Each structure stands twice: as C-alpha cells, then as structure tokens.
Amino acid sequence: MSEQATAVLAGGCFWCTEAVFRDVIGVERVESGYIGGTKADPTYKEVCSGNTGHAEAIRVTYDPATISYAQLLDIFFATHDPTQLNRQGNDIGTQYRSAIFPLDEAQRAEAQAGIERAQAEREGKIVTTIEGPATWYAAEDYHQEYWEGEGQRNPYCLAVIPPKLMKLRKSFANKVKA
C-alpha cells in the first residue's frame, strides 16, 4: 500500500460531500468537520449560526497511487455548484461556501489549475476560494457517515444526495466503488 495523502474540501453541506467522496475508489476515509473560521473547537450550532467563519468541509484521506488530487478536485467541481456564492441550493451562508483548503504549495497550485479546468467547462463564474492554512476541527460524531445512517431518513438528504451520487456514477464511472 502506498502512502496516504489528505485533501480538505468545502462544497456546501458536509453530509452531501461526504456521501459522494465515500464512494470514490482510492478514498480511504472521509471525515466531516469545520475549517476556516475564527473560533477554536466550534460546535455545529455555532457554525450554523454563520458567526464563526467556518465552512462545513470534508477531510479526505486517499491513496495518491490510485486517485490524484487533481482527480479529486474534478469530482469536487462536478458534484456541487461552484458558481453559487456562500450557498448550495437551499443551504445559505458562508458556512456553505465552495472552498479548497490546500495543505501545501503543490496542492495550492493544483487547486488553481482545478478551478481553471472547471471554469473552462462552465458559463457561470466559479466563486470557489482557495483558503488557508487553517485549523481543522472534526464535526461531532453524529455527523460522521451521516448518509449511511440518519441521512437515509432525512428528507433533505434524500432530495439532495442521490442526484449527486448519480452524477458521480455517470461522470466518473471508472472512479466509483462497486
């Protein structure tokens, strides 16, 4: 097994982005959390208030020999709307912003290239920001693997997540776990 790498992405509701990336080949782990704000150890309620400056995000642990950071970014851009400023659908606020949190200069350069690739495929202006460095805070336990449990009974998740998973399966069929 090769060395693992980490990517931190914010694409709206972390329940939705976590569900997508858990289905990607080469992804070993996905953790929901908060990043990019001013308060140490924020709670979900505090982040949802919009007053902490954090984004709901996911921290993806992956095998770069199986899937590259650039490929993860392409999936990220294809499975959320990077043209919506501080929102994803009905989720409105800076906590739902589209952002990439590179962990080094190589990831920062790849993030910029990813935005350029995604912009070439869209008419609307991409508003995804490249932020950081910033401290990662894991979300409360009940947010982890949410789609696999409570999310299956949550009307919001049932409306939003299946279309994202269908887009993943259609656009990236060779990158989806069986």
C-alpha atoms as a PDB file:
ATOM      1  CA  MET A   1       0.000   0.000   0.000  1.00  0.00           C
ATOM      2  CA  SER A   2       1.316   3.424  -0.904  1.00  0.00           C
ATOM      3  CA  GLU A   3       1.488   6.457   1.324  1.00  0.00           C
ATOM      4  CA  GLN A   4      -1.784   8.203   2.041  1.00  0.00           C
ATOM      5  CA  ALA A   5      -2.481  11.842   1.304  1.00  0.00           C
ATOM      6  CA  THR A   6      -5.105  14.288   2.558  1.00  0.00           C
ATOM      7  CA  ALA A   7      -7.396  16.789   0.842  1.00  0.00           C
ATOM      8  CA  VAL A   8      -9.715  19.292   2.543  1.00  0.00           C
ATOM      9  CA  LEU A   9     -12.729  20.467   0.532  1.00  0.00           C
ATOM     10  CA  ALA A  10     -15.818  22.536   1.319  1.00  0.00           C
ATOM     11  CA  GLY A  11     -18.721  22.151  -1.097  1.00  0.00           C
ATOM     12  CA  GLY A  12     -21.812  23.030   0.907  1.00  0.00           C
ATOM     13  CA  CYS A  13     -23.412  20.602   3.328  1.00  0.00           C
ATOM     14  CA  PHE A  14     -20.765  18.187   4.568  1.00  0.00           C
ATOM     15  CA  TRP A  15     -23.284  15.346   4.693  1.00  0.00           C
ATOM     16  CA  CYS A  16     -23.609  15.621   0.914  1.00  0.00           C
ATOM     17  CA  THR A  17     -19.937  15.933   0.051  1.00  0.00           C
ATOM     18  CA  GLU A  18     -19.033  13.134   2.466  1.00  0.00           C
ATOM     19  CA  ALA A  19     -21.567  10.801   0.793  1.00  0.00           C
ATOM     20  CA  VAL A  20     -20.042  11.473  -2.636  1.00  0.00           C
ATOM     21  CA  PHE A  21     -16.406  11.007  -1.669  1.00  0.00           C
ATOM     22  CA  ARG A  22     -17.051   7.851   0.369  1.00  0.00           C
ATOM     23  CA  ASP A  23     -17.970   6.222  -2.976  1.00  0.00           C
ATOM     24  CA  VAL A  24     -14.715   7.143  -4.757  1.00  0.00           C
ATOM     25  CA  ILE A  25     -12.078   4.480  -5.480  1.00  0.00           C
ATOM     26  CA  GLY A  26      -8.830   5.280  -3.688  1.00  0.00           C
ATOM     27  CA  VAL A  27     -10.550   7.199  -0.910  1.00  0.00           C
ATOM     28  CA  GLU A  28      -9.753   5.503   2.370  1.00  0.00           C
ATOM     29  CA  ARG A  29     -11.583   7.789   4.798  1.00  0.00           C
ATOM     30  CA  VAL A  30     -13.838  10.851   4.787  1.00  0.00           C
ATOM     31  CA  GLU A  31     -14.341  12.943   7.901  1.00  0.00           C
ATOM     32  CA  SER A  32     -16.835  15.800   8.201  1.00  0.00           C
ATOM     33  CA  GLY A  33     -15.723  18.915  10.036  1.00  0.00           C
ATOM     34  CA  TYR A  34     -15.211  22.649  10.184  1.00  0.00           C
ATOM     35  CA  ILE A  35     -12.389  24.814   8.837  1.00  0.00           C
ATOM     36  CA  GLY A  36     -11.567  28.396   8.007  1.00  0.00           C
ATOM     37  CA  GLY A  37     -13.101  30.187  10.967  1.00  0.00           C
ATOM     38  CA  THR A  38     -12.050  32.141  13.999  1.00  0.00           C
ATOM     39  CA  LYS A  39     -13.371  30.121  16.965  1.00  0.00           C
ATOM     40  CA  ALA A  40     -11.461  27.147  18.356  1.00  0.00           C
ATOM     41  CA  ASP A  41     -13.431  23.892  18.605  1.00  0.00           C
ATOM     42  CA  PRO A  42     -16.712  25.217  17.194  1.00  0.00           C
ATOM     43  CA  THR A  43     -19.938  23.254  17.563  1.00  0.00           C
ATOM     44  CA  TYR A  44     -22.363  22.525  14.746  1.00  0.00           C
ATOM     45  CA  LYS A  45     -24.826  25.024  16.205  1.00  0.00           C
ATOM     46  CA  GLU A  46     -22.134  27.733  16.317  1.00  0.00           C
ATOM     47  CA  VAL A  47     -21.027  27.059  12.735  1.00  0.00           C
ATOM     48  CA  CYS A  48     -24.645  27.045  11.520  1.00  0.00           C
ATOM     49  CA  SER A  49     -25.132  30.491  13.060  1.00  0.00           C
ATOM     50  CA  GLY A  50     -22.700  31.832  10.466  1.00  0.00           C
ATOM     51  CA  ASN A  51     -20.837  33.766  13.152  1.00  0.00           C
ATOM     52  CA  THR A  52     -17.663  31.656  13.403  1.00  0.00           C
ATOM     53  CA  GLY A  53     -16.485  31.985   9.800  1.00  0.00           C
ATOM     54  CA  HIS A  54     -16.040  28.223   9.418  1.00  0.00           C
ATOM     55  CA  ALA A  55     -17.067  26.228   6.378  1.00  0.00           C
ATOM     56  CA  GLU A  56     -18.657  22.806   6.605  1.00  0.00           C
ATOM     57  CA  ALA A  57     -15.996  20.667   4.945  1.00  0.00           C
ATOM     58  CA  ILE A  58     -14.648  17.174   4.485  1.00  0.00           C
ATOM     59  CA  ARG A  59     -11.158  15.848   5.084  1.00  0.00           C
ATOM     60  CA  VAL A  60     -10.435  13.095   2.578  1.00  0.00           C
ATOM     61  CA  THR A  61      -7.702  10.541   3.184  1.00  0.00           C
ATOM     62  CA  TYR A  62      -6.788   8.922  -0.125  1.00  0.00           C
ATOM     63  CA  ASP A  63      -4.215   6.814  -1.932  1.00  0.00           C
ATOM     64  CA  PRO A  64      -2.474   9.063  -4.494  1.00  0.00           C
ATOM     65  CA  ALA A  65      -1.310   5.977  -6.408  1.00  0.00           C
ATOM     66  CA  THR A  66      -4.997   5.216  -7.100  1.00  0.00           C
ATOM     67  CA  ILE A  67      -6.520   8.682  -7.447  1.00  0.00           C
ATOM     68  CA  SER A  68      -4.766  12.008  -7.791  1.00  0.00           C
ATOM     69  CA  TYR A  69      -5.516  15.260  -6.012  1.00  0.00           C
ATOM     70  CA  ALA A  70      -6.419  16.730  -9.429  1.00  0.00           C
ATOM     71  CA  GLN A  71      -8.972  13.935  -9.985  1.00  0.00           C
ATOM     72  CA  LEU A  72     -10.460  14.555  -6.542  1.00  0.00           C
ATOM     73  CA  LEU A  73     -10.824  18.224  -7.457  1.00  0.00           C
ATOM     74  CA  ASP A  74     -12.526  17.339 -10.752  1.00  0.00           C
ATOM     75  CA  ILE A  75     -15.052  15.202  -8.824  1.00  0.00           C
ATOM     76  CA  PHE A  76     -15.495  18.025  -6.294  1.00  0.00           C
ATOM     77  CA  PHE A  77     -16.310  20.564  -9.008  1.00  0.00           C
ATOM     78  CA  ALA A  78     -18.645  18.181 -10.851  1.00  0.00           C
ATOM     79  CA  THR A  79     -20.714  17.225  -7.792  1.00  0.00           C
ATOM     80  CA  HIS A  80     -21.553  20.648  -6.362  1.00  0.00           C
ATOM     81  CA  ASP A  81     -22.273  24.079  -7.852  1.00  0.00           C
ATOM     82  CA  PRO A  82     -19.084  26.150  -7.575  1.00  0.00           C
ATOM     83  CA  THR A  83     -20.844  29.177  -9.085  1.00  0.00           C
ATOM     84  CA  GLN A  84     -23.072  29.813  -6.057  1.00  0.00           C
ATOM     85  CA  LEU A  85     -21.578  32.297  -3.611  1.00  0.00           C
ATOM     86  CA  ASN A  86     -21.972  31.260   0.051  1.00  0.00           C
ATOM     87  CA  ARG A  87     -24.652  28.692  -0.669  1.00  0.00           C
ATOM     88  CA  GLN A  88     -25.530  25.337  -2.149  1.00  0.00           C
ATOM     89  CA  GLY A  89     -29.182  25.174  -3.146  1.00  0.00           C
ATOM     90  CA  ASN A  90     -31.307  25.975  -0.112  1.00  0.00           C
ATOM     91  CA  ASP A  91     -28.298  25.997   2.240  1.00  0.00           C
ATOM     92  CA  ILE A  92     -27.365  29.666   2.534  1.00  0.00           C
ATOM     93  CA  GLY A  93     -24.493  31.218   4.480  1.00  0.00           C
ATOM     94  CA  THR A  94     -20.712  31.403   4.481  1.00  0.00           C
ATOM     95  CA  GLN A  95     -20.592  28.007   6.195  1.00  0.00           C
ATOM     96  CA  TYR A  96     -21.801  26.515   2.871  1.00  0.00           C
ATOM     97  CA  ARG A  97     -19.213  28.247   0.690  1.00  0.00           C
ATOM     98  CA  SER A  98     -17.273  26.456  -2.003  1.00  0.00           C
ATOM     99  CA  ALA A  99     -13.635  26.395  -0.897  1.00  0.00           C
ATOM    100  CA  ILE A 100     -10.449  24.393  -1.180  1.00  0.00           C
ATOM    101  CA  PHE A 101      -8.012  24.275   1.735  1.00  0.00           C
ATOM    102  CA  PRO A 102      -4.658  23.157   0.294  1.00  0.00           C
ATOM    103  CA  LEU A 103      -2.214  21.606   2.711  1.00  0.00           C
ATOM    104  CA  ASP A 104       0.927  22.633   0.820  1.00  0.00           C
ATOM    105  CA  GLU A 105       2.091  24.684  -2.155  1.00  0.00           C
ATOM    106  CA  ALA A 106       1.705  21.764  -4.589  1.00  0.00           C
ATOM    107  CA  GLN A 107      -1.957  21.403  -3.596  1.00  0.00           C
ATOM    108  CA  ARG A 108      -2.391  25.190  -3.849  1.00  0.00           C
ATOM    109  CA  ALA A 109      -1.115  25.110  -7.460  1.00  0.00           C
ATOM    110  CA  GLU A 110      -3.342  22.103  -8.248  1.00  0.00           C
ATOM    111  CA  ALA A 111      -6.329  23.897  -6.702  1.00  0.00           C
ATOM    112  CA  GLN A 112      -5.785  26.872  -9.005  1.00  0.00           C
ATOM    113  CA  ALA A 113      -5.438  24.548 -12.007  1.00  0.00           C
ATOM    114  CA  GLY A 114      -8.605  22.714 -10.930  1.00  0.00           C
ATOM    115  CA  ILE A 115     -10.556  25.962 -10.804  1.00  0.00           C
ATOM    116  CA  GLU A 116      -9.290  26.832 -14.288  1.00  0.00           C
ATOM    117  CA  ARG A 117     -10.317  23.393 -15.665  1.00  0.00           C
ATOM    118  CA  ALA A 118     -13.749  23.698 -14.080  1.00  0.00           C
ATOM    119  CA  GLN A 119     -14.201  27.274 -15.338  1.00  0.00           C
ATOM    120  CA  ALA A 120     -13.479  26.144 -18.900  1.00  0.00           C
ATOM    121  CA  GLU A 121     -16.494  23.805 -18.645  1.00  0.00           C
ATOM    122  CA  ARG A 122     -18.968  26.418 -17.333  1.00  0.00           C
ATOM    123  CA  GLU A 123     -20.516  29.683 -18.366  1.00  0.00           C
ATOM    124  CA  GLY A 124     -21.128  30.947 -14.830  1.00  0.00           C
ATOM    125  CA  LYS A 125     -18.161  32.317 -12.896  1.00  0.00           C
ATOM    126  CA  ILE A 126     -16.667  29.921 -10.386  1.00  0.00           C
ATOM    127  CA  VAL A 127     -16.569  31.512  -6.920  1.00  0.00           C
ATOM    128  CA  THR A 128     -14.660  28.705  -5.180  1.00  0.00           C
ATOM    129  CA  THR A 129     -11.983  30.177  -2.948  1.00  0.00           C
ATOM    130  CA  ILE A 130      -8.565  28.814  -2.100  1.00  0.00           C
ATOM    131  CA  GLU A 131      -8.085  29.368   1.622  1.00  0.00           C
ATOM    132  CA  GLY A 132      -5.730  28.563   4.440  1.00  0.00           C
ATOM    133  CA  PRO A 133      -3.694  27.410   6.043  1.00  0.00           C
ATOM    134  CA  ALA A 134      -6.430  26.818   8.590  1.00  0.00           C
ATOM    135  CA  THR A 135      -7.092  24.559  11.565  1.00  0.00           C
ATOM    136  CA  TRP A 136      -9.308  21.507  11.040  1.00  0.00           C
ATOM    137  CA  TYR A 137     -11.958  20.601  13.629  1.00  0.00           C
ATOM    138  CA  ALA A 138     -13.775  17.281  13.347  1.00  0.00           C
ATOM    139  CA  ALA A 139     -17.549  17.569  13.490  1.00  0.00           C
ATOM    140  CA  GLU A 140     -19.490  15.851  16.225  1.00  0.00           C
ATOM    141  CA  ASP A 141     -19.747  12.056  15.950  1.00  0.00           C
ATOM    142  CA  TYR A 142     -23.357  12.081  14.767  1.00  0.00           C
ATOM    143  CA  HIS A 143     -22.283  13.914  11.582  1.00  0.00           C
ATOM    144  CA  GLN A 144     -19.791  11.224  10.557  1.00  0.00           C
ATOM    145  CA  GLU A 145     -21.029   8.753   7.932  1.00  0.00           C
ATOM    146  CA  TYR A 146     -24.353  10.565   8.160  1.00  0.00           C
ATOM    147  CA  TRP A 147     -25.760   9.362   4.820  1.00  0.00           C
ATOM    148  CA  GLU A 148     -25.198   5.716   5.771  1.00  0.00           C
ATOM    149  CA  GLY A 149     -27.406   6.128   8.852  1.00  0.00           C
ATOM    150  CA  GLU A 150     -29.691   9.015   9.755  1.00  0.00           C
ATOM    151  CA  GLY A 151     -29.359  10.568   6.295  1.00  0.00           C
ATOM    152  CA  GLN A 152     -31.425   7.756   4.788  1.00  0.00           C
ATOM    153  CA  ARG A 153     -34.390   9.075   6.803  1.00  0.00           C
ATOM    154  CA  ASN A 154     -33.666  12.799   6.359  1.00  0.00           C
ATOM    155  CA  PRO A 155     -35.903  14.375   3.647  1.00  0.00           C
ATOM    156  CA  TYR A 156     -33.253  16.984   2.811  1.00  0.00           C
ATOM    157  CA  CYS A 157     -30.590  14.320   2.270  1.00  0.00           C
ATOM    158  CA  LEU A 158     -32.984  12.138   0.281  1.00  0.00           C
ATOM    159  CA  ALA A 159     -33.629  15.066  -2.058  1.00  0.00           C
ATOM    160  CA  VAL A 160     -30.032  16.271  -2.441  1.00  0.00           C
ATOM    161  CA  ILE A 161     -27.636  13.323  -2.122  1.00  0.00           C
ATOM    162  CA  PRO A 162     -28.988  10.783  -4.682  1.00  0.00           C
ATOM    163  CA  PRO A 163     -28.659  13.234  -7.615  1.00  0.00           C
ATOM    164  CA  LYS A 164     -25.054  13.952  -6.561  1.00  0.00           C
ATOM    165  CA  LEU A 165     -24.322  10.219  -6.409  1.00  0.00           C
ATOM    166  CA  MET A 166     -25.924   9.717  -9.831  1.00  0.00           C
ATOM    167  CA  LYS A 167     -23.738  12.481 -11.285  1.00  0.00           C
ATOM    168  CA  LEU A 168     -20.675  10.837  -9.738  1.00  0.00           C
ATOM    169  CA  ARG A 169     -21.619   7.437 -11.215  1.00  0.00           C
ATOM    170  CA  LYS A 170     -22.383   8.908 -14.632  1.00  0.00           C
ATOM    171  CA  SER A 171     -19.430  11.278 -14.980  1.00  0.00           C
ATOM    172  CA  PHE A 172     -16.785   9.253 -13.125  1.00  0.00           C
ATOM    173  CA  ALA A 173     -17.929   5.630 -13.582  1.00  0.00           C
ATOM    174  CA  ASN A 174     -14.334   4.359 -13.555  1.00  0.00           C
ATOM    175  CA  LYS A 175     -13.701   6.024 -10.185  1.00  0.00           C
ATOM    176  CA  VAL A 176     -16.723   4.674  -8.270  1.00  0.00           C
ATOM    177  CA  LYS A 177     -16.505   1.849  -5.756  1.00  0.00           C
ATOM    178  CA  ALA A 178     -18.572  -1.221  -6.670  1.00  0.00           C
END
